[in-house]
């Protein structure tokens, strides 16, 4: 999401205003602090950033668990 915001010259505060998503939520998502994100929130951000493919905003990472865990 940070890359897309930079490409469009937007700050988190500006994105918050045009998307209607709280700036704190955008900040947490940008710093990968959120474990869950509501699909409606992603839709609002994608619409504000004029993105048709939501995969531009998210990366899915799988945590590999070892037998020792």
PDB file of N, CA and C in Angstrom:
ATOM      1  N   UNK A   1       0.827  -1.181   0.000  1.00  0.00           N
ATOM      2  CA  UNK A   1       0.000   0.000   0.000  1.00  0.00           C
ATOM      3  C   UNK A   1       0.871   1.244   0.000  1.00  0.00           C
ATOM      4  N   UNK A   2       1.993   1.184   0.710  1.00  0.00           N
ATOM      5  CA  UNK A   2       2.876   2.353   0.766  1.00  0.00           C
ATOM      6  C   UNK A   2       3.373   2.744  -0.619  1.00  0.00           C
ATOM      7  N   UNK A   3       3.719   1.740  -1.434  1.00  0.00           N
ATOM      8  CA  UNK A   3       4.214   2.014  -2.779  1.00  0.00           C
ATOM      9  C   UNK A   3       3.157   2.717  -3.627  1.00  0.00           C
ATOM     10  N   UNK A   4       1.929   2.251  -3.525  1.00  0.00           N
ATOM     11  CA  UNK A   4       0.841   2.843  -4.304  1.00  0.00           C
ATOM     12  C   UNK A   4       0.590   4.276  -3.844  1.00  0.00           C
ATOM     13  N   UNK A   5       0.620   4.498  -2.538  1.00  0.00           N
ATOM     14  CA  UNK A   5       0.432   5.860  -2.022  1.00  0.00           C
ATOM     15  C   UNK A   5       1.544   6.776  -2.525  1.00  0.00           C
ATOM     16  N   UNK A   6       2.782   6.290  -2.513  1.00  0.00           N
ATOM     17  CA  UNK A   6       3.903   7.089  -3.003  1.00  0.00           C
ATOM     18  C   UNK A   6       3.745   7.410  -4.488  1.00  0.00           C
ATOM     19  N   UNK A   7       3.353   6.411  -5.280  1.00  0.00           N
ATOM     20  CA  UNK A   7       3.152   6.618  -6.709  1.00  0.00           C
ATOM     21  C   UNK A   7       2.128   7.713  -6.982  1.00  0.00           C
ATOM     22  N   UNK A   8       1.130   7.798  -6.109  1.00  0.00           N
ATOM     23  CA  UNK A   8       0.065   8.777  -6.297  1.00  0.00           C
ATOM     24  C   UNK A   8       0.311  10.073  -5.518  1.00  0.00           C
ATOM     25  N   UNK A   9       1.417  10.118  -4.794  1.00  0.00           N
ATOM     26  CA  UNK A   9       1.763  11.322  -4.047  1.00  0.00           C
ATOM     27  C   UNK A   9       0.832  11.612  -2.889  1.00  0.00           C
ATOM     28  N   UNK A  10       0.353  10.551  -2.234  1.00  0.00           N
ATOM     29  CA  UNK A  10      -0.594  10.707  -1.126  1.00  0.00           C
ATOM     30  C   UNK A  10       0.041  10.353   0.210  1.00  0.00           C
ATOM     31  N   UNK A  11      -0.341  11.092   1.221  1.00  0.00           N
ATOM     32  CA  UNK A  11       0.042  10.755   2.585  1.00  0.00           C
ATOM     33  C   UNK A  11      -1.060   9.877   3.178  1.00  0.00           C
ATOM     34  N   UNK A  12      -0.776   9.291   4.330  1.00  0.00           N
ATOM     35  CA  UNK A  12      -1.795   8.498   5.018  1.00  0.00           C
ATOM     36  C   UNK A  12      -2.999   9.367   5.375  1.00  0.00           C
ATOM     37  N   UNK A  13      -2.747  10.582   5.780  1.00  0.00           N
ATOM     38  CA  UNK A  13      -3.833  11.498   6.149  1.00  0.00           C
ATOM     39  C   UNK A  13      -4.710  11.810   4.944  1.00  0.00           C
ATOM     40  N   UNK A  14      -4.096  12.057   3.799  1.00  0.00           N
ATOM     41  CA  UNK A  14      -4.865  12.334   2.588  1.00  0.00           C
ATOM     42  C   UNK A  14      -5.676  11.118   2.170  1.00  0.00           C
ATOM     43  N   UNK A  15      -5.057   9.939   2.225  1.00  0.00           N
ATOM     44  CA  UNK A  15      -5.770   8.714   1.880  1.00  0.00           C
ATOM     45  C   UNK A  15      -6.948   8.493   2.822  1.00  0.00           C
ATOM     46  N   UNK A  16      -6.746   8.792   4.082  1.00  0.00           N
ATOM     47  CA  UNK A  16      -7.818   8.665   5.061  1.00  0.00           C
ATOM     48  C   UNK A  16      -9.005   9.554   4.681  1.00  0.00           C
ATOM     49  N   UNK A  17      -8.718  10.780   4.296  1.00  0.00           N
ATOM     50  CA  UNK A  17      -9.789  11.721   3.950  1.00  0.00           C
ATOM     51  C   UNK A  17     -10.559  11.285   2.706  1.00  0.00           C
ATOM     52  N   UNK A  18      -9.852  10.790   1.687  1.00  0.00           N
ATOM     53  CA  UNK A  18     -10.567  10.442   0.461  1.00  0.00           C
ATOM     54  C   UNK A  18     -11.205   9.051   0.511  1.00  0.00           C
ATOM     55  N   UNK A  19     -10.727   8.209   1.412  1.00  0.00           N
ATOM     56  CA  UNK A  19     -11.281   6.852   1.499  1.00  0.00           C
ATOM     57  C   UNK A  19     -12.332   6.695   2.598  1.00  0.00           C
ATOM     58  N   UNK A  20     -12.256   7.557   3.600  1.00  0.00           N
ATOM     59  CA  UNK A  20     -13.175   7.415   4.731  1.00  0.00           C
ATOM     60  C   UNK A  20     -12.707   6.384   5.746  1.00  0.00           C
ATOM     61  N   UNK A  21     -11.458   5.925   5.599  1.00  0.00           N
ATOM     62  CA  UNK A  21     -10.872   4.961   6.531  1.00  0.00           C
ATOM     63  C   UNK A  21     -10.019   5.728   7.530  1.00  0.00           C
ATOM     64  N   UNK A  22     -10.129   5.367   8.803  1.00  0.00           N
ATOM     65  CA  UNK A  22      -9.363   6.066   9.833  1.00  0.00           C
ATOM     66  C   UNK A  22      -7.866   6.050   9.517  1.00  0.00           C
ATOM     67  N   UNK A  23      -7.200   7.164   9.761  1.00  0.00           N
ATOM     68  CA  UNK A  23      -5.771   7.271   9.507  1.00  0.00           C
ATOM     69  C   UNK A  23      -4.998   6.258  10.333  1.00  0.00           C
ATOM     70  N   UNK A  24      -5.435   6.016  11.550  1.00  0.00           N
ATOM     71  CA  UNK A  24      -4.763   5.037  12.413  1.00  0.00           C
ATOM     72  C   UNK A  24      -4.820   3.642  11.790  1.00  0.00           C
ATOM     73  N   UNK A  25      -5.939   3.304  11.179  1.00  0.00           N
ATOM     74  CA  UNK A  25      -6.077   1.996  10.528  1.00  0.00           C
ATOM     75  C   UNK A  25      -5.146   1.901   9.323  1.00  0.00           C
ATOM     76  N   UNK A  26      -5.063   2.968   8.548  1.00  0.00           N
ATOM     77  CA  UNK A  26      -4.161   2.993   7.389  1.00  0.00           C
ATOM     78  C   UNK A  26      -2.718   2.854   7.859  1.00  0.00           C
ATOM     79  N   UNK A  27      -2.380   3.541   8.931  1.00  0.00           N
ATOM     80  CA  UNK A  27      -1.028   3.459   9.484  1.00  0.00           C
ATOM     81  C   UNK A  27      -0.701   2.033   9.915  1.00  0.00           C
ATOM     82  N   UNK A  28      -1.630   1.393  10.614  1.00  0.00           N
ATOM     83  CA  UNK A  28      -1.405   0.018  11.071  1.00  0.00           C
ATOM     84  C   UNK A  28      -1.245  -0.937   9.896  1.00  0.00           C
ATOM     85  N   UNK A  29      -2.046  -0.764   8.863  1.00  0.00           N
ATOM     86  CA  UNK A  29      -1.927  -1.617   7.684  1.00  0.00           C
ATOM     87  C   UNK A  29      -0.600  -1.370   6.972  1.00  0.00           C
ATOM     88  N   UNK A  30      -0.194  -0.127   6.890  1.00  0.00           N
ATOM     89  CA  UNK A  30       1.068   0.217   6.218  1.00  0.00           C
ATOM     90  C   UNK A  30       2.274  -0.375   6.927  1.00  0.00           C
ATOM     91  N   UNK A  31       2.155  -0.528   8.239  1.00  0.00           N
ATOM     92  CA  UNK A  31       3.259  -1.071   9.027  1.00  0.00           C
ATOM     93  C   UNK A  31       3.091  -2.558   9.331  1.00  0.00           C
ATOM     94  N   UNK A  32       2.126  -3.185   8.668  1.00  0.00           N
ATOM     95  CA  UNK A  32       1.847  -4.619   8.855  1.00  0.00           C
ATOM     96  C   UNK A  32       1.557  -4.980  10.307  1.00  0.00           C
ATOM     97  N   UNK A  33       0.859  -4.109  11.002  1.00  0.00           N
ATOM     98  CA  UNK A  33       0.509  -4.366  12.397  1.00  0.00           C
ATOM     99  C   UNK A  33      -0.870  -5.001  12.542  1.00  0.00           C
ATOM    100  N   UNK A  34      -1.639  -5.006  11.475  1.00  0.00           N
ATOM    101  CA  UNK A  34      -2.984  -5.586  11.522  1.00  0.00           C
ATOM    102  C   UNK A  34      -2.954  -7.019  11.030  1.00  0.00           C
ATOM    103  N   UNK A  35      -3.529  -7.901  11.813  1.00  0.00           N
ATOM    104  CA  UNK A  35      -3.614  -9.297  11.397  1.00  0.00           C
ATOM    105  C   UNK A  35      -4.860  -9.539  10.556  1.00  0.00           C
ATOM    106  N   UNK A  36      -5.887  -8.732  10.758  1.00  0.00           N
ATOM    107  CA  UNK A  36      -7.127  -8.875  10.002  1.00  0.00           C
ATOM    108  C   UNK A  36      -7.543  -7.519   9.469  1.00  0.00           C
ATOM    109  N   UNK A  37      -8.052  -7.537   8.239  1.00  0.00           N
ATOM    110  CA  UNK A  37      -8.542  -6.311   7.623  1.00  0.00           C
ATOM    111  C   UNK A  37      -9.890  -6.619   6.990  1.00  0.00           C
ATOM    112  N   UNK A  38     -10.851  -5.782   7.267  1.00  0.00           N
ATOM    113  CA  UNK A  38     -12.191  -5.933   6.730  1.00  0.00           C
ATOM    114  C   UNK A  38     -12.155  -5.694   5.217  1.00  0.00           C
ATOM    115  N   UNK A  39     -12.850  -6.516   4.461  1.00  0.00           N
ATOM    116  CA  UNK A  39     -12.867  -6.386   3.005  1.00  0.00           C
ATOM    117  C   UNK A  39     -13.435  -5.035   2.578  1.00  0.00           C
ATOM    118  N   UNK A  40     -14.402  -4.522   3.303  1.00  0.00           N
ATOM    119  CA  UNK A  40     -14.976  -3.207   2.980  1.00  0.00           C
ATOM    120  C   UNK A  40     -13.920  -2.114   3.121  1.00  0.00           C
ATOM    121  N   UNK A  41     -13.052  -2.245   4.115  1.00  0.00           N
ATOM    122  CA  UNK A  41     -11.962  -1.285   4.305  1.00  0.00           C
ATOM    123  C   UNK A  41     -11.026  -1.324   3.102  1.00  0.00           C
ATOM    124  N   UNK A  42     -10.673  -2.526   2.656  1.00  0.00           N
ATOM    125  CA  UNK A  42      -9.816  -2.659   1.477  1.00  0.00           C
ATOM    126  C   UNK A  42     -10.493  -2.091   0.239  1.00  0.00           C
ATOM    127  N   UNK A  43     -11.786  -2.308   0.115  1.00  0.00           N
ATOM    128  CA  UNK A  43     -12.526  -1.777  -1.033  1.00  0.00           C
ATOM    129  C   UNK A  43     -12.503  -0.251  -1.038  1.00  0.00           C
ATOM    130  N   UNK A  44     -12.690   0.361   0.122  1.00  0.00           N
ATOM    131  CA  UNK A  44     -12.664   1.827   0.220  1.00  0.00           C
ATOM    132  C   UNK A  44     -11.298   2.382  -0.176  1.00  0.00           C
ATOM    133  N   UNK A  45     -10.246   1.729   0.312  1.00  0.00           N
ATOM    134  CA  UNK A  45      -8.886   2.179   0.005  1.00  0.00           C
ATOM    135  C   UNK A  45      -8.596   1.985  -1.478  1.00  0.00           C
ATOM    136  N   UNK A  46      -8.971   0.829  -2.028  1.00  0.00           N
ATOM    137  CA  UNK A  46      -8.742   0.553  -3.450  1.00  0.00           C
ATOM    138  C   UNK A  46      -9.473   1.576  -4.322  1.00  0.00           C
ATOM    139  N   UNK A  47     -10.705   1.880  -3.960  1.00  0.00           N
ATOM    140  CA  UNK A  47     -11.473   2.862  -4.725  1.00  0.00           C
ATOM    141  C   UNK A  47     -10.805   4.238  -4.660  1.00  0.00           C
ATOM    142  N   UNK A  48     -10.369   4.631  -3.478  1.00  0.00           N
ATOM    143  CA  UNK A  48      -9.716   5.930  -3.314  1.00  0.00           C
ATOM    144  C   UNK A  48      -8.420   6.015  -4.110  1.00  0.00           C
ATOM    145  N   UNK A  49      -7.713   4.878  -4.220  1.00  0.00           N
ATOM    146  CA  UNK A  49      -6.447   4.846  -4.953  1.00  0.00           C
ATOM    147  C   UNK A  49      -6.640   4.504  -6.431  1.00  0.00           C
ATOM    148  N   UNK A  50      -7.915   4.347  -6.838  1.00  0.00           N
ATOM    149  CA  UNK A  50      -8.269   4.005  -8.215  1.00  0.00           C
ATOM    150  C   UNK A  50      -7.594   2.707  -8.658  1.00  0.00           C
ATOM    151  N   UNK A  51      -7.720   1.700  -7.804  1.00  0.00           N
ATOM    152  CA  UNK A  51      -7.151   0.376  -8.064  1.00  0.00           C
ATOM    153  C   UNK A  51      -8.296  -0.589  -8.357  1.00  0.00           C
ATOM    154  N   UNK A  52      -8.176  -1.315  -9.460  1.00  0.00           N
ATOM    155  CA  UNK A  52      -9.190  -2.306  -9.818  1.00  0.00           C
ATOM    156  C   UNK A  52      -8.878  -3.676  -9.232  1.00  0.00           C
ATOM    157  N   UNK A  53      -7.603  -3.959  -9.043  1.00  0.00           N
ATOM    158  CA  UNK A  53      -7.170  -5.264  -8.550  1.00  0.00           C
ATOM    159  C   UNK A  53      -6.665  -5.115  -7.120  1.00  0.00           C
ATOM    160  N   UNK A  54      -7.443  -5.605  -6.169  1.00  0.00           N
ATOM    161  CA  UNK A  54      -7.130  -5.434  -4.742  1.00  0.00           C
ATOM    162  C   UNK A  54      -5.811  -6.103  -4.351  1.00  0.00           C
ATOM    163  N   UNK A  55      -5.331  -7.034  -5.191  1.00  0.00           N
ATOM    164  CA  UNK A  55      -4.068  -7.694  -4.874  1.00  0.00           C
ATOM    165  C   UNK A  55      -2.890  -6.719  -4.915  1.00  0.00           C
ATOM    166  N   UNK A  56      -3.087  -5.548  -5.505  1.00  0.00           N
ATOM    167  CA  UNK A  56      -2.042  -4.523  -5.482  1.00  0.00           C
ATOM    168  C   UNK A  56      -1.830  -3.977  -4.069  1.00  0.00           C
ATOM    169  N   UNK A  57      -2.813  -4.185  -3.209  1.00  0.00           N
ATOM    170  CA  UNK A  57      -2.745  -3.661  -1.844  1.00  0.00           C
ATOM    171  C   UNK A  57      -2.273  -4.674  -0.817  1.00  0.00           C
ATOM    172  N   UNK A  58      -2.423  -5.949  -1.112  1.00  0.00           N
ATOM    173  CA  UNK A  58      -2.152  -6.954  -0.083  1.00  0.00           C
ATOM    174  C   UNK A  58      -1.117  -7.975  -0.533  1.00  0.00           C
ATOM    175  N   UNK A  59      -0.417  -8.476   0.427  1.00  0.00           N
ATOM    176  CA  UNK A  59       0.506  -9.584   0.234  1.00  0.00           C
ATOM    177  C   UNK A  59       0.184 -10.604   1.308  1.00  0.00           C
ATOM    178  N   UNK A  60      -0.027 -11.825   0.905  1.00  0.00           N
ATOM    179  CA  UNK A  60      -0.348 -12.877   1.867  1.00  0.00           C
ATOM    180  C   UNK A  60       0.934 -13.621   2.206  1.00  0.00           C
ATOM    181  N   UNK A  61       1.231 -13.641   3.483  1.00  0.00           N
ATOM    182  CA  UNK A  61       2.424 -14.334   3.950  1.00  0.00           C
ATOM    183  C   UNK A  61       2.003 -15.502   4.822  1.00  0.00           C
ATOM    184  N   UNK A  62       2.550 -16.652   4.532  1.00  0.00           N
ATOM    185  CA  UNK A  62       2.267 -17.831   5.334  1.00  0.00           C
ATOM    186  C   UNK A  62       3.377 -18.004   6.358  1.00  0.00           C
ATOM    187  N   UNK A  63       2.979 -18.188   7.603  1.00  0.00           N
ATOM    188  CA  UNK A  63       3.950 -18.476   8.638  1.00  0.00           C
ATOM    189  C   UNK A  63       4.222 -19.971   8.631  1.00  0.00           C
ATOM    190  N   UNK A  64       5.479 -20.326   8.489  1.00  0.00           N
ATOM    191  CA  UNK A  64       5.820 -21.736   8.524  1.00  0.00           C
ATOM    192  C   UNK A  64       6.080 -22.147   9.972  1.00  0.00           C
ATOM    193  N   UNK A  65       5.399 -23.188  10.379  1.00  0.00           N
ATOM    194  CA  UNK A  65       5.561 -23.684  11.756  1.00  0.00           C
ATOM    195  C   UNK A  65       6.476 -24.887  11.729  1.00  0.00           C
ATOM    196  N   UNK A  66       7.361 -24.903  12.681  1.00  0.00           N
ATOM    197  CA  UNK A  66       8.266 -26.036  12.767  1.00  0.00           C
ATOM    198  C   UNK A  66       7.713 -27.063  13.728  1.00  0.00           C
ATOM    199  N   UNK A  67       8.245 -28.251  13.688  1.00  0.00           N
ATOM    200  CA  UNK A  67       7.795 -29.325  14.579  1.00  0.00           C
ATOM    201  C   UNK A  67       8.108 -29.000  16.033  1.00  0.00           C
ATOM    202  N   UNK A  68       9.090 -28.124  16.250  1.00  0.00           N
ATOM    203  CA  UNK A  68       9.461 -27.745  17.623  1.00  0.00           C
ATOM    204  C   UNK A  68       8.488 -26.760  18.247  1.00  0.00           C
ATOM    205  N   UNK A  69       7.660 -26.106  17.446  1.00  0.00           N
ATOM    206  CA  UNK A  69       6.764 -25.069  17.969  1.00  0.00           C
ATOM    207  C   UNK A  69       5.595 -25.664  18.705  1.00  0.00           C
TER     208      UNK A  69
END
